[in-house]
Amino acid sequence: MGFNNPGDNIIFIGKKSAMAYVLACVMQFNMNHDTVILKARGKSISHAVDVAEIVRNKFVTDAKVKDIKIATEIIEGENGEKMNVSSIEIVLGKM
């Protein structure tokens, strides 16, 4: 992944430890990205908020929350039924 490709600064939050995602954010900022986007769905939303706060308060103290977007996505379950799943996108940027 080169840092000139669009989407390189997007980190999808899942089931890994918070520190794994924090490290990924710090690496993106160290690669001269001005912004890092954290994306999460469902139960991972609170995990994304934790990651953003750890990055801001402990590792990249000049990072600020530039934008937060929330949405509901419709996904199809295993048996074909449609479900609503909440999602969040947190944009962190260096000031």
PDB file of N, CA and C in Angstrom:
ATOM      1  N   MET A   1       0.835  -1.190   0.000  1.00  0.00           N
ATOM      2  CA  MET A   1       0.000   0.000   0.000  1.00  0.00           C
ATOM      3  C   MET A   1       0.874   1.244   0.000  1.00  0.00           C
ATOM      4  N   GLY A   2       0.814   2.018  -1.039  1.00  0.00           N
ATOM      5  CA  GLY A   2       1.479   3.303  -1.057  1.00  0.00           C
ATOM      6  C   GLY A   2       0.553   4.362  -0.497  1.00  0.00           C
ATOM      7  N   PHE A   3       1.118   5.384   0.119  1.00  0.00           N
ATOM      8  CA  PHE A   3       0.251   6.363   0.757  1.00  0.00           C
ATOM      9  C   PHE A   3      -0.377   7.331  -0.230  1.00  0.00           C
ATOM     10  N   ASN A   4      -0.097   7.203  -1.506  1.00  0.00           N
ATOM     11  CA  ASN A   4      -0.742   8.054  -2.503  1.00  0.00           C
ATOM     12  C   ASN A   4      -2.057   7.458  -2.994  1.00  0.00           C
ATOM     13  N   ASN A   5      -2.307   6.194  -2.696  1.00  0.00           N
ATOM     14  CA  ASN A   5      -3.545   5.557  -3.128  1.00  0.00           C
ATOM     15  C   ASN A   5      -4.705   6.010  -2.261  1.00  0.00           C
ATOM     16  N   PRO A   6      -5.833   6.368  -2.872  1.00  0.00           N
ATOM     17  CA  PRO A   6      -6.986   6.742  -2.050  1.00  0.00           C
ATOM     18  C   PRO A   6      -7.454   5.536  -1.244  1.00  0.00           C
ATOM     19  N   GLY A   7      -7.815   5.776  -0.016  1.00  0.00           N
ATOM     20  CA  GLY A   7      -8.302   4.703   0.827  1.00  0.00           C
ATOM     21  C   GLY A   7      -7.243   4.094   1.719  1.00  0.00           C
ATOM     22  N   ASP A   8      -5.973   4.464   1.525  1.00  0.00           N
ATOM     23  CA  ASP A   8      -4.912   3.940   2.379  1.00  0.00           C
ATOM     24  C   ASP A   8      -5.078   4.366   3.827  1.00  0.00           C
ATOM     25  N   ASN A   9      -5.710   5.494   4.034  1.00  0.00           N
ATOM     26  CA  ASN A   9      -5.826   6.017   5.391  1.00  0.00           C
ATOM     27  C   ASN A   9      -7.117   5.570   6.076  1.00  0.00           C
ATOM     28  N   ILE A  10      -7.795   4.566   5.521  1.00  0.00           N
ATOM     29  CA  ILE A  10      -9.021   4.042   6.132  1.00  0.00           C
ATOM     30  C   ILE A  10      -8.679   2.789   6.924  1.00  0.00           C
ATOM     31  N   ILE A  11      -9.118   2.762   8.178  1.00  0.00           N
ATOM     32  CA  ILE A  11      -8.881   1.619   9.051  1.00  0.00           C
ATOM     33  C   ILE A  11     -10.239   1.075   9.470  1.00  0.00           C
ATOM     34  N   PHE A  12     -10.487  -0.189   9.158  1.00  0.00           N
ATOM     35  CA  PHE A  12     -11.742  -0.840   9.526  1.00  0.00           C
ATOM     36  C   PHE A  12     -11.576  -1.505  10.886  1.00  0.00           C
ATOM     37  N   ILE A  13     -12.393  -1.109  11.833  1.00  0.00           N
ATOM     38  CA  ILE A  13     -12.303  -1.609  13.204  1.00  0.00           C
ATOM     39  C   ILE A  13     -13.100  -2.903  13.315  1.00  0.00           C
ATOM     40  N   GLY A  14     -12.464  -3.912  13.907  1.00  0.00           N
ATOM     41  CA  GLY A  14     -13.108  -5.208  14.076  1.00  0.00           C
ATOM     42  C   GLY A  14     -12.840  -5.773  15.456  1.00  0.00           C
ATOM     43  N   LYS A  15     -12.351  -7.008  15.496  1.00  0.00           N
ATOM     44  CA  LYS A  15     -12.214  -7.727  16.760  1.00  0.00           C
ATOM     45  C   LYS A  15     -10.802  -7.748  17.331  1.00  0.00           C
ATOM     46  N   LYS A  16      -9.836  -7.142  16.647  1.00  0.00           N
ATOM     47  CA  LYS A  16      -8.471  -7.097  17.182  1.00  0.00           C
ATOM     48  C   LYS A  16      -8.426  -6.204  18.410  1.00  0.00           C
ATOM     49  N   SER A  17      -7.295  -6.225  19.089  1.00  0.00           N
ATOM     50  CA  SER A  17      -7.153  -5.369  20.278  1.00  0.00           C
ATOM     51  C   SER A  17      -7.116  -3.902  19.860  1.00  0.00           C
ATOM     52  N   ALA A  18      -7.499  -3.044  20.771  1.00  0.00           N
ATOM     53  CA  ALA A  18      -7.503  -1.607  20.488  1.00  0.00           C
ATOM     54  C   ALA A  18      -6.107  -1.134  20.103  1.00  0.00           C
ATOM     55  N   MET A  19      -5.091  -1.665  20.760  1.00  0.00           N
ATOM     56  CA  MET A  19      -3.728  -1.210  20.486  1.00  0.00           C
ATOM     57  C   MET A  19      -3.279  -1.565  19.066  1.00  0.00           C
ATOM     58  N   ALA A  20      -3.796  -2.624  18.488  1.00  0.00           N
ATOM     59  CA  ALA A  20      -3.464  -2.960  17.100  1.00  0.00           C
ATOM     60  C   ALA A  20      -3.960  -1.854  16.166  1.00  0.00           C
ATOM     61  N   TYR A  21      -5.159  -1.348  16.419  1.00  0.00           N
ATOM     62  CA  TYR A  21      -5.714  -0.272  15.594  1.00  0.00           C
ATOM     63  C   TYR A  21      -5.047   1.059  15.888  1.00  0.00           C
ATOM     64  N   VAL A  22      -4.692   1.282  17.153  1.00  0.00           N
ATOM     65  CA  VAL A  22      -3.958   2.506  17.523  1.00  0.00           C
ATOM     66  C   VAL A  22      -2.632   2.543  16.768  1.00  0.00           C
ATOM     67  N   LEU A  23      -1.916   1.417  16.744  1.00  0.00           N
ATOM     68  CA  LEU A  23      -0.648   1.338  16.023  1.00  0.00           C
ATOM     69  C   LEU A  23      -0.849   1.633  14.543  1.00  0.00           C
ATOM     70  N   ALA A  24      -1.916   1.092  13.960  1.00  0.00           N
ATOM     71  CA  ALA A  24      -2.207   1.352  12.545  1.00  0.00           C
ATOM     72  C   ALA A  24      -2.446   2.847  12.304  1.00  0.00           C
ATOM     73  N   CYS A  25      -3.161   3.505  13.210  1.00  0.00           N
ATOM     74  CA  CYS A  25      -3.409   4.956  13.083  1.00  0.00           C
ATOM     75  C   CYS A  25      -2.105   5.738  13.169  1.00  0.00           C
ATOM     76  N   VAL A  26      -1.297   5.417  14.157  1.00  0.00           N
ATOM     77  CA  VAL A  26      -0.024   6.128  14.340  1.00  0.00           C
ATOM     78  C   VAL A  26       0.857   5.938  13.108  1.00  0.00           C
ATOM     79  N   MET A  27       0.876   4.731  12.561  1.00  0.00           N
ATOM     80  CA  MET A  27       1.666   4.482  11.350  1.00  0.00           C
ATOM     81  C   MET A  27       1.173   5.338  10.185  1.00  0.00           C
ATOM     82  N   GLN A  28      -0.138   5.470  10.034  1.00  0.00           N
ATOM     83  CA  GLN A  28      -0.683   6.291   8.948  1.00  0.00           C
ATOM     84  C   GLN A  28      -0.281   7.761   9.116  1.00  0.00           C
ATOM     85  N   PHE A  29      -0.350   8.263  10.340  1.00  0.00           N
ATOM     86  CA  PHE A  29       0.072   9.643  10.579  1.00  0.00           C
ATOM     87  C   PHE A  29       1.567   9.807  10.319  1.00  0.00           C
ATOM     88  N   ASN A  30       2.360   8.803  10.669  1.00  0.00           N
ATOM     89  CA  ASN A  30       3.808   8.861  10.435  1.00  0.00           C
ATOM     90  C   ASN A  30       4.151   8.779   8.952  1.00  0.00           C
ATOM     91  N   MET A  31       3.237   8.259   8.139  1.00  0.00           N
ATOM     92  CA  MET A  31       3.436   8.204   6.686  1.00  0.00           C
ATOM     93  C   MET A  31       2.951   9.499   6.022  1.00  0.00           C
ATOM     94  N   ASN A  32       2.823  10.557   6.804  1.00  0.00           N
ATOM     95  CA  ASN A  32       2.457  11.896   6.330  1.00  0.00           C
ATOM     96  C   ASN A  32       1.023  12.019   5.846  1.00  0.00           C
ATOM     97  N   HIS A  33       0.135  11.161   6.315  1.00  0.00           N
ATOM     98  CA  HIS A  33      -1.285  11.366   6.044  1.00  0.00           C
ATOM     99  C   HIS A  33      -1.777  12.473   6.974  1.00  0.00           C
ATOM    100  N   ASP A  34      -2.569  13.381   6.432  1.00  0.00           N
ATOM    101  CA  ASP A  34      -3.150  14.447   7.249  1.00  0.00           C
ATOM    102  C   ASP A  34      -4.365  13.948   8.012  1.00  0.00           C
ATOM    103  N   THR A  35      -5.039  12.937   7.465  1.00  0.00           N
ATOM    104  CA  THR A  35      -6.226  12.395   8.116  1.00  0.00           C
ATOM    105  C   THR A  35      -6.175  10.873   8.131  1.00  0.00           C
ATOM    106  N   VAL A  36      -6.832  10.306   9.127  1.00  0.00           N
ATOM    107  CA  VAL A  36      -7.024   8.861   9.230  1.00  0.00           C
ATOM    108  C   VAL A  36      -8.508   8.649   9.504  1.00  0.00           C
ATOM    109  N   ILE A  37      -9.115   7.712   8.791  1.00  0.00           N
ATOM    110  CA  ILE A  37     -10.546   7.452   8.923  1.00  0.00           C
ATOM    111  C   ILE A  37     -10.745   6.097   9.584  1.00  0.00           C
ATOM    112  N   LEU A  38     -11.463   6.092  10.693  1.00  0.00           N
ATOM    113  CA  LEU A  38     -11.820   4.857  11.386  1.00  0.00           C
ATOM    114  C   LEU A  38     -13.254   4.518  11.016  1.00  0.00           C
ATOM    115  N   LYS A  39     -13.484   3.281  10.564  1.00  0.00           N
ATOM    116  CA  LYS A  39     -14.831   2.847  10.208  1.00  0.00           C
ATOM    117  C   LYS A  39     -15.186   1.615  11.026  1.00  0.00           C
ATOM    118  N   ALA A  40     -16.420   1.563  11.508  1.00  0.00           N
ATOM    119  CA  ALA A  40     -16.878   0.417  12.291  1.00  0.00           C
ATOM    120  C   ALA A  40     -18.375   0.243  12.113  1.00  0.00           C
ATOM    121  N   ARG A  41     -18.818  -0.996  12.352  1.00  0.00           N
ATOM    122  CA  ARG A  41     -20.249  -1.312  12.297  1.00  0.00           C
ATOM    123  C   ARG A  41     -20.631  -2.083  13.552  1.00  0.00           C
ATOM    124  N   GLY A  42     -21.894  -1.942  13.924  1.00  0.00           N
ATOM    125  CA  GLY A  42     -22.463  -2.746  14.998  1.00  0.00           C
ATOM    126  C   GLY A  42     -21.739  -2.608  16.324  1.00  0.00           C
ATOM    127  N   LYS A  43     -21.397  -3.751  16.909  1.00  0.00           N
ATOM    128  CA  LYS A  43     -20.777  -3.778  18.227  1.00  0.00           C
ATOM    129  C   LYS A  43     -19.368  -3.184  18.241  1.00  0.00           C
ATOM    130  N   SER A  44     -18.756  -3.018  17.085  1.00  0.00           N
ATOM    131  CA  SER A  44     -17.403  -2.461  17.004  1.00  0.00           C
ATOM    132  C   SER A  44     -17.377  -0.941  17.105  1.00  0.00           C
ATOM    133  N   ILE A  45     -18.543  -0.303  17.125  1.00  0.00           N
ATOM    134  CA  ILE A  45     -18.594   1.160  17.173  1.00  0.00           C
ATOM    135  C   ILE A  45     -17.916   1.683  18.434  1.00  0.00           C
ATOM    136  N   SER A  46     -18.218   1.102  19.591  1.00  0.00           N
ATOM    137  CA  SER A  46     -17.596   1.586  20.830  1.00  0.00           C
ATOM    138  C   SER A  46     -16.095   1.346  20.805  1.00  0.00           C
ATOM    139  N   HIS A  47     -15.663   0.289  20.145  1.00  0.00           N
ATOM    140  CA  HIS A  47     -14.237  -0.011  19.996  1.00  0.00           C
ATOM    141  C   HIS A  47     -13.560   1.086  19.170  1.00  0.00           C
ATOM    142  N   ALA A  48     -14.230   1.559  18.119  1.00  0.00           N
ATOM    143  CA  ALA A  48     -13.685   2.627  17.275  1.00  0.00           C
ATOM    144  C   ALA A  48     -13.535   3.925  18.064  1.00  0.00           C
ATOM    145  N   VAL A  49     -14.513   4.218  18.907  1.00  0.00           N
ATOM    146  CA  VAL A  49     -14.442   5.421  19.743  1.00  0.00           C
ATOM    147  C   VAL A  49     -13.262   5.305  20.708  1.00  0.00           C
ATOM    148  N   ASP A  50     -13.071   4.134  21.310  1.00  0.00           N
ATOM    149  CA  ASP A  50     -11.938   3.911  22.208  1.00  0.00           C
ATOM    150  C   ASP A  50     -10.611   4.139  21.479  1.00  0.00           C
ATOM    151  N   VAL A  51     -10.490   3.590  20.271  1.00  0.00           N
ATOM    152  CA  VAL A  51      -9.264   3.739  19.488  1.00  0.00           C
ATOM    153  C   VAL A  51      -8.998   5.216  19.199  1.00  0.00           C
ATOM    154  N   ALA A  52     -10.023   5.940  18.772  1.00  0.00           N
ATOM    155  CA  ALA A  52      -9.859   7.364  18.462  1.00  0.00           C
ATOM    156  C   ALA A  52      -9.392   8.137  19.688  1.00  0.00           C
ATOM    157  N   GLU A  53      -9.962   7.846  20.836  1.00  0.00           N
ATOM    158  CA  GLU A  53      -9.591   8.564  22.062  1.00  0.00           C
ATOM    159  C   GLU A  53      -8.178   8.210  22.518  1.00  0.00           C
ATOM    160  N   ILE A  54      -7.776   6.960  22.380  1.00  0.00           N
ATOM    161  CA  ILE A  54      -6.408   6.574  22.747  1.00  0.00           C
ATOM    162  C   ILE A  54      -5.407   7.274  21.836  1.00  0.00           C
ATOM    163  N   VAL A  55      -5.696   7.288  20.538  1.00  0.00           N
ATOM    164  CA  VAL A  55      -4.795   7.958  19.592  1.00  0.00           C
ATOM    165  C   VAL A  55      -4.671   9.431  19.952  1.00  0.00           C
ATOM    166  N   ARG A  56      -5.799  10.095  20.162  1.00  0.00           N
ATOM    167  CA  ARG A  56      -5.791  11.535  20.440  1.00  0.00           C
ATOM    168  C   ARG A  56      -5.107  11.880  21.758  1.00  0.00           C
ATOM    169  N   ASN A  57      -5.359  11.096  22.794  1.00  0.00           N
ATOM    170  CA  ASN A  57      -4.898  11.470  24.127  1.00  0.00           C
ATOM    171  C   ASN A  57      -3.520  10.936  24.499  1.00  0.00           C
ATOM    172  N   LYS A  58      -3.066   9.874  23.848  1.00  0.00           N
ATOM    173  CA  LYS A  58      -1.809   9.246  24.264  1.00  0.00           C
ATOM    174  C   LYS A  58      -0.698   9.286  23.224  1.00  0.00           C
ATOM    175  N   PHE A  59      -1.031   9.201  21.932  1.00  0.00           N
ATOM    176  CA  PHE A  59       0.005   8.985  20.934  1.00  0.00           C
ATOM    177  C   PHE A  59       0.186  10.141  19.959  1.00  0.00           C
ATOM    178  N   VAL A  60      -0.882  10.709  19.467  1.00  0.00           N
ATOM    179  CA  VAL A  60      -0.799  11.819  18.504  1.00  0.00           C
ATOM    180  C   VAL A  60      -1.582  12.976  19.119  1.00  0.00           C
ATOM    181  N   THR A  61      -0.929  13.682  20.030  1.00  0.00           N
ATOM    182  CA  THR A  61      -1.644  14.685  20.833  1.00  0.00           C
ATOM    183  C   THR A  61      -2.120  15.880  20.016  1.00  0.00           C
ATOM    184  N   ASP A  62      -1.572  16.074  18.808  1.00  0.00           N
ATOM    185  CA  ASP A  62      -2.065  17.179  17.973  1.00  0.00           C
ATOM    186  C   ASP A  62      -3.180  16.719  17.026  1.00  0.00           C
ATOM    187  N   ALA A  63      -3.659  15.482  17.186  1.00  0.00           N
ATOM    188  CA  ALA A  63      -4.775  14.985  16.374  1.00  0.00           C
ATOM    189  C   ALA A  63      -6.098  15.424  16.986  1.00  0.00           C
ATOM    190  N   LYS A  64      -7.020  15.777  16.136  1.00  0.00           N
ATOM    191  CA  LYS A  64      -8.356  16.190  16.551  1.00  0.00           C
ATOM    192  C   LYS A  64      -9.396  15.425  15.748  1.00  0.00           C
ATOM    193  N   VAL A  65     -10.596  15.333  16.292  1.00  0.00           N
ATOM    194  CA  VAL A  65     -11.699  14.727  15.558  1.00  0.00           C
ATOM    195  C   VAL A  65     -12.229  15.777  14.584  1.00  0.00           C
ATOM    196  N   LYS A  66     -12.062  15.521  13.287  1.00  0.00           N
ATOM    197  CA  LYS A  66     -12.509  16.473  12.274  1.00  0.00           C
ATOM    198  C   LYS A  66     -13.969  16.268  11.911  1.00  0.00           C
ATOM    199  N   ASP A  67     -14.418  15.007  11.908  1.00  0.00           N
ATOM    200  CA  ASP A  67     -15.782  14.720  11.490  1.00  0.00           C
ATOM    201  C   ASP A  67     -16.205  13.371  12.036  1.00  0.00           C
ATOM    202  N   ILE A  68     -17.484  13.238  12.298  1.00  0.00           N
ATOM    203  CA  ILE A  68     -18.077  11.959  12.680  1.00  0.00           C
ATOM    204  C   ILE A  68     -19.336  11.786  11.852  1.00  0.00           C
ATOM    205  N   LYS A  69     -19.434  10.645  11.185  1.00  0.00           N
ATOM    206  CA  LYS A  69     -20.624  10.343  10.393  1.00  0.00           C
ATOM    207  C   LYS A  69     -21.231   9.065  10.929  1.00  0.00           C
ATOM    208  N   ILE A  70     -22.539   9.074  11.112  1.00  0.00           N
ATOM    209  CA  ILE A  70     -23.242   7.864  11.534  1.00  0.00           C
ATOM    210  C   ILE A  70     -24.276   7.515  10.473  1.00  0.00           C
ATOM    211  N   ALA A  71     -24.535   6.225  10.355  1.00  0.00           N
ATOM    212  CA  ALA A  71     -25.490   5.777   9.338  1.00  0.00           C
ATOM    213  C   ALA A  71     -26.061   4.426   9.742  1.00  0.00           C
ATOM    214  N   THR A  72     -27.052   3.998   8.989  1.00  0.00           N
ATOM    215  CA  THR A  72     -27.598   2.658   9.120  1.00  0.00           C
ATOM    216  C   THR A  72     -27.439   1.968   7.775  1.00  0.00           C
ATOM    217  N   GLU A  73     -26.784   0.817   7.804  1.00  0.00           N
ATOM    218  CA  GLU A  73     -26.579   0.048   6.581  1.00  0.00           C
ATOM    219  C   GLU A  73     -27.507  -1.158   6.602  1.00  0.00           C
ATOM    220  N   ILE A  74     -28.019  -1.510   5.456  1.00  0.00           N
ATOM    221  CA  ILE A  74     -28.877  -2.689   5.337  1.00  0.00           C
ATOM    222  C   ILE A  74     -28.015  -3.810   4.777  1.00  0.00           C
ATOM    223  N   ILE A  75     -27.880  -4.889   5.560  1.00  0.00           N
ATOM    224  CA  ILE A  75     -27.106  -6.031   5.100  1.00  0.00           C
ATOM    225  C   ILE A  75     -28.010  -7.263   5.054  1.00  0.00           C
ATOM    226  N   GLU A  76     -27.620  -8.228   4.262  1.00  0.00           N
ATOM    227  CA  GLU A  76     -28.413  -9.434   4.112  1.00  0.00           C
ATOM    228  C   GLU A  76     -27.822 -10.538   4.979  1.00  0.00           C
ATOM    229  N   GLY A  77     -28.640 -11.130   5.813  1.00  0.00           N
ATOM    230  CA  GLY A  77     -28.211 -12.203   6.694  1.00  0.00           C
ATOM    231  C   GLY A  77     -28.017 -13.508   5.941  1.00  0.00           C
ATOM    232  N   GLU A  78     -27.608 -14.538   6.692  1.00  0.00           N
ATOM    233  CA  GLU A  78     -27.321 -15.844   6.091  1.00  0.00           C
ATOM    234  C   GLU A  78     -28.543 -16.445   5.409  1.00  0.00           C
ATOM    235  N   ASN A  79     -29.719 -16.264   5.985  1.00  0.00           N
ATOM    236  CA  ASN A  79     -30.921 -16.867   5.409  1.00  0.00           C
ATOM    237  C   ASN A  79     -31.700 -15.884   4.532  1.00  0.00           C
ATOM    238  N   GLY A  80     -31.030 -14.824   4.050  1.00  0.00           N
ATOM    239  CA  GLY A  80     -31.645 -13.911   3.109  1.00  0.00           C
ATOM    240  C   GLY A  80     -32.432 -12.767   3.723  1.00  0.00           C
ATOM    241  N   GLU A  81     -32.574 -12.751   5.043  1.00  0.00           N
ATOM    242  CA  GLU A  81     -33.329 -11.658   5.658  1.00  0.00           C
ATOM    243  C   GLU A  81     -32.452 -10.410   5.749  1.00  0.00           C
ATOM    244  N   LYS A  82     -33.073  -9.266   5.605  1.00  0.00           N
ATOM    245  CA  LYS A  82     -32.357  -7.990   5.645  1.00  0.00           C
ATOM    246  C   LYS A  82     -32.332  -7.469   7.075  1.00  0.00           C
ATOM    247  N   MET A  83     -31.166  -6.953   7.468  1.00  0.00           N
ATOM    248  CA  MET A  83     -31.002  -6.421   8.818  1.00  0.00           C
ATOM    249  C   MET A  83     -30.414  -5.015   8.738  1.00  0.00           C
ATOM    250  N   ASN A  84     -30.827  -4.172   9.672  1.00  0.00           N
ATOM    251  CA  ASN A  84     -30.241  -2.843   9.804  1.00  0.00           C
ATOM    252  C   ASN A  84     -29.062  -2.924  10.769  1.00  0.00           C
ATOM    253  N   VAL A  85     -27.925  -2.368  10.344  1.00  0.00           N
ATOM    254  CA  VAL A  85     -26.731  -2.343  11.183  1.00  0.00           C
ATOM    255  C   VAL A  85     -26.228  -0.906  11.236  1.00  0.00           C
ATOM    256  N   SER A  86     -26.010  -0.406  12.436  1.00  0.00           N
ATOM    257  CA  SER A  86     -25.483   0.943  12.609  1.00  0.00           C
ATOM    258  C   SER A  86     -24.012   0.974  12.211  1.00  0.00           C
ATOM    259  N   SER A  87     -23.568   2.112  11.708  1.00  0.00           N
ATOM    260  CA  SER A  87     -22.157   2.272  11.350  1.00  0.00           C
ATOM    261  C   SER A  87     -21.687   3.671  11.728  1.00  0.00           C
ATOM    262  N   ILE A  88     -20.374   3.791  11.892  1.00  0.00           N
ATOM    263  CA  ILE A  88     -19.778   5.078  12.241  1.00  0.00           C
ATOM    264  C   ILE A  88     -18.495   5.256  11.442  1.00  0.00           C
ATOM    265  N   GLU A  89     -18.202   6.503  11.132  1.00  0.00           N
ATOM    266  CA  GLU A  89     -16.955   6.869  10.478  1.00  0.00           C
ATOM    267  C   GLU A  89     -16.390   8.054  11.255  1.00  0.00           C
ATOM    268  N   ILE A  90     -15.211   7.871  11.828  1.00  0.00           N
ATOM    269  CA  ILE A  90     -14.549   8.922  12.609  1.00  0.00           C
ATOM    270  C   ILE A  90     -13.338   9.388  11.832  1.00  0.00           C
ATOM    271  N   VAL A  91     -13.287  10.680  11.526  1.00  0.00           N
ATOM    272  CA  VAL A  91     -12.166  11.241  10.791  1.00  0.00           C
ATOM    273  C   VAL A  91     -11.257  11.968  11.775  1.00  0.00           C
ATOM    274  N   LEU A  92     -10.031  11.467  11.925  1.00  0.00           N
ATOM    275  CA  LEU A  92      -9.027  12.106  12.765  1.00  0.00           C
ATOM    276  C   LEU A  92      -8.072  12.871  11.877  1.00  0.00           C
ATOM    277  N   GLY A  93      -7.694  14.079  12.280  1.00  0.00           N
ATOM    278  CA  GLY A  93      -6.758  14.865  11.501  1.00  0.00           C
ATOM    279  C   GLY A  93      -5.764  15.578  12.374  1.00  0.00           C
ATOM    280  N   LYS A  94      -4.583  15.784  11.819  1.00  0.00           N
ATOM    281  CA  LYS A  94      -3.560  16.539  12.545  1.00  0.00           C
ATOM    282  C   LYS A  94      -3.823  18.023  12.371  1.00  0.00           C
ATOM    283  N   MET A  95      -3.630  18.756  13.418  1.00  0.00           N
ATOM    284  CA  MET A  95      -3.823  20.212  13.365  1.00  0.00           C
ATOM    285  C   MET A  95      -2.495  20.898  13.171  1.00  0.00           C
TER     286      MET A  95
END
